[in-house]
C-alpha atoms as a PDB file:
ATOM      1  CA  MET A   1      28.130-121.686 -56.109  1.00  0.00           C
ATOM      2  CA  ASP A   2      29.527-121.165 -52.612  1.00  0.00           C
ATOM      3  CA  ILE A   3      29.507-117.840 -50.788  1.00  0.00           C
ATOM      4  CA  ASP A   4      33.127-116.993 -51.625  1.00  0.00           C
ATOM      5  CA  ALA A   5      32.485-117.465 -55.332  1.00  0.00           C
ATOM      6  CA  LYS A   6      29.371-115.286 -55.080  1.00  0.00           C
ATOM      7  CA  LYS A   7      31.386-112.556 -53.354  1.00  0.00           C
ATOM      8  CA  ILE A   8      34.045-112.646 -56.062  1.00  0.00           C
ATOM      9  CA  GLU A   9      31.401-112.475 -58.775  1.00  0.00           C
ATOM     10  CA  LEU A  10      29.749-109.527 -57.045  1.00  0.00           C
ATOM     11  CA  LEU A  11      33.066-107.731 -56.541  1.00  0.00           C
ATOM     12  CA  ASP A  12      33.944-108.194 -60.196  1.00  0.00           C
ATOM     13  CA  TRP A  13      30.564-106.836 -61.221  1.00  0.00           C
ATOM     14  CA  LEU A  14      30.948-103.827 -58.889  1.00  0.00           C
ATOM     15  CA  LEU A  15      34.420-103.053 -60.182  1.00  0.00           C
ATOM     16  CA  HIS A  16      33.094-102.756 -63.715  1.00  0.00           C
ATOM     17  CA  ILE A  17      30.145-100.460 -62.999  1.00  0.00           C
ATOM     18  CA  ASN A  18      30.667 -97.088 -64.646  1.00  0.00           C
ATOM     19  CA  ASP A  19      27.200 -95.660 -64.089  1.00  0.00           C
ATOM     20  CA  GLU A  20      27.142 -93.177 -61.189  1.00  0.00           C
ATOM     21  CA  SER A  21      23.394 -93.590 -60.636  1.00  0.00           C
ATOM     22  CA  LYS A  22      23.781 -97.356 -60.255  1.00  0.00           C
ATOM     23  CA  LEU A  23      26.553 -96.849 -57.718  1.00  0.00           C
ATOM     24  CA  LYS A  24      24.363 -94.447 -55.742  1.00  0.00           C
ATOM     25  CA  LYS A  25      21.578 -97.027 -55.663  1.00  0.00           C
ATOM     26  CA  ILE A  26      23.990 -99.724 -54.527  1.00  0.00           C
ATOM     27  CA  MET A  27      25.330 -97.455 -51.783  1.00  0.00           C
ATOM     28  CA  ALA A  28      21.779 -96.707 -50.640  1.00  0.00           C
ATOM     29  CA  LEU A  29      21.060-100.430 -50.510  1.00  0.00           C
ATOM     30  CA  LYS A  30      24.241-100.988 -48.505  1.00  0.00           C
ATOM     31  CA  ILE A  31      23.146 -98.403 -45.947  1.00  0.00           C
ATOM     32  CA  VAL A  32      19.772-100.106 -45.595  1.00  0.00           C
ATOM     33  CA  LEU A  33      21.279-103.581 -45.318  1.00  0.00           C
ATOM     34  CA  ASP A  34      23.856-102.450 -42.756  1.00  0.00           C
ATOM     35  CA  LYS A  35      21.141-101.233 -40.394  1.00  0.00           C
ATOM     36  CA  GLU A  36      19.895-103.740 -37.860  1.00  0.00           C
ATOM     37  CA  ILE A  37      16.114-104.056 -38.040  1.00  0.00           C
ATOM     38  CA  VAL A  38      14.671-104.212 -34.523  1.00  0.00           C
ATOM     39  CA  ALA A  39      10.959-103.715 -35.209  1.00  0.00           C
ATOM     40  CA  HIS A  40       8.336-103.101 -37.868  1.00  0.00           C
ATOM     41  CA  THR A  41       5.592-100.511 -38.045  1.00  0.00           C
ATOM     42  CA  ILE A  42       1.961-101.563 -38.239  1.00  0.00           C
ATOM     43  CA  SER A  43       2.172-101.214 -42.015  1.00  0.00           C
ATOM     44  CA  GLY A  44       5.228-103.481 -42.115  1.00  0.00           C
ATOM     45  CA  TYR A  45       7.908-100.825 -42.596  1.00  0.00           C
ATOM     46  CA  PRO A  46      11.197-102.017 -41.067  1.00  0.00           C
ATOM     47  CA  VAL A  47      12.557 -99.873 -38.233  1.00  0.00           C
ATOM     48  CA  ASP A  48      16.220 -99.857 -37.279  1.00  0.00           C
ATOM     49  CA  LYS A  49      17.514 -99.269 -33.763  1.00  0.00           C
ATOM     50  CA  GLU A  50      18.134 -95.539 -34.243  1.00  0.00           C
ATOM     51  CA  GLU A  51      14.670 -94.947 -35.716  1.00  0.00           C
ATOM     52  CA  TYR A  52      13.074 -97.007 -32.947  1.00  0.00           C
ATOM     53  CA  ILE A  53      14.802 -94.998 -30.227  1.00  0.00           C
ATOM     54  CA  ASN A  54      13.648 -91.769 -31.892  1.00  0.00           C
ATOM     55  CA  MET A  55      10.083 -93.074 -32.118  1.00  0.00           C
ATOM     56  CA  VAL A  56      10.094 -93.956 -28.420  1.00  0.00           C
ATOM     57  CA  LYS A  57      11.531 -90.549 -27.475  1.00  0.00           C
ATOM     58  CA  GLU A  58       8.892 -88.764 -29.555  1.00  0.00           C
ATOM     59  CA  ALA A  59       6.134 -90.831 -27.968  1.00  0.00           C
ATOM     60  CA  ASP A  60       7.516 -90.098 -24.512  1.00  0.00           C
ATOM     61  CA  GLU A  61       7.560 -86.366 -25.300  1.00  0.00           C
ATOM     62  CA  ARG A  62       3.931 -86.512 -26.455  1.00  0.00           C
ATOM     63  CA  ILE A  63       2.925 -88.285 -23.259  1.00  0.00           C
ATOM     64  CA  THR A  64       4.870 -85.849 -21.085  1.00  0.00           C
ATOM     65  CA  SER A  65       3.238 -82.881 -22.818  1.00  0.00           C
ATOM     66  CA  GLY A  66      -0.218 -84.431 -22.403  1.00  0.00           C
ATOM     67  CA  ASN A  67      -0.669 -85.003 -26.124  1.00  0.00           C
ATOM     68  CA  TYR A  68      -2.314 -88.422 -26.024  1.00  0.00           C
ATOM     69  CA  THR A  69      -5.750 -90.044 -26.043  1.00  0.00           C
ATOM     70  CA  THR A  70      -6.947 -91.942 -23.006  1.00  0.00           C
ATOM     71  CA  LEU A  71      -8.851 -95.183 -23.300  1.00  0.00           C
ATOM     72  CA  GLU A  72     -11.942 -93.455 -21.949  1.00  0.00           C
ATOM     73  CA  ASP A  73     -11.723 -90.708 -24.590  1.00  0.00           C
ATOM     74  CA  LEU A  74     -11.258 -93.298 -27.307  1.00  0.00           C
ATOM     75  CA  GLU A  75     -14.278 -95.274 -26.113  1.00  0.00           C
ATOM     76  CA  LYS A  76     -16.391 -92.093 -26.186  1.00  0.00           C
ATOM     77  CA  GLU A  77     -15.190 -91.332 -29.699  1.00  0.00           C
ATOM     78  CA  ILE A  78     -16.017 -94.854 -30.860  1.00  0.00           C
ATOM     79  CA  GLU A  79     -19.597 -94.419 -29.659  1.00  0.00           C
ATOM     80  CA  ASN A  80     -20.001 -91.613 -32.214  1.00  0.00           C
ATOM     81  CA  TRP A  81     -18.840 -93.656 -35.193  1.00  0.00           C
END
């Protein structure tokens, strides 16, 4: 089945959905699929461009406010493990 046939099949299926909860789930999936993934967290969670920019801004704010751990502090902490 080529892509055009798959699209038609999907459109037909969508047109016949009468369950509001299914439509909400499909819309949520659409939102996720429309976002461009630019990175992943350490745990593998996909991060879109907007989320990534927010993460960088938050990290920058923490650094600016002095809320970070230096390598030296981390090495001292590791010694106590």
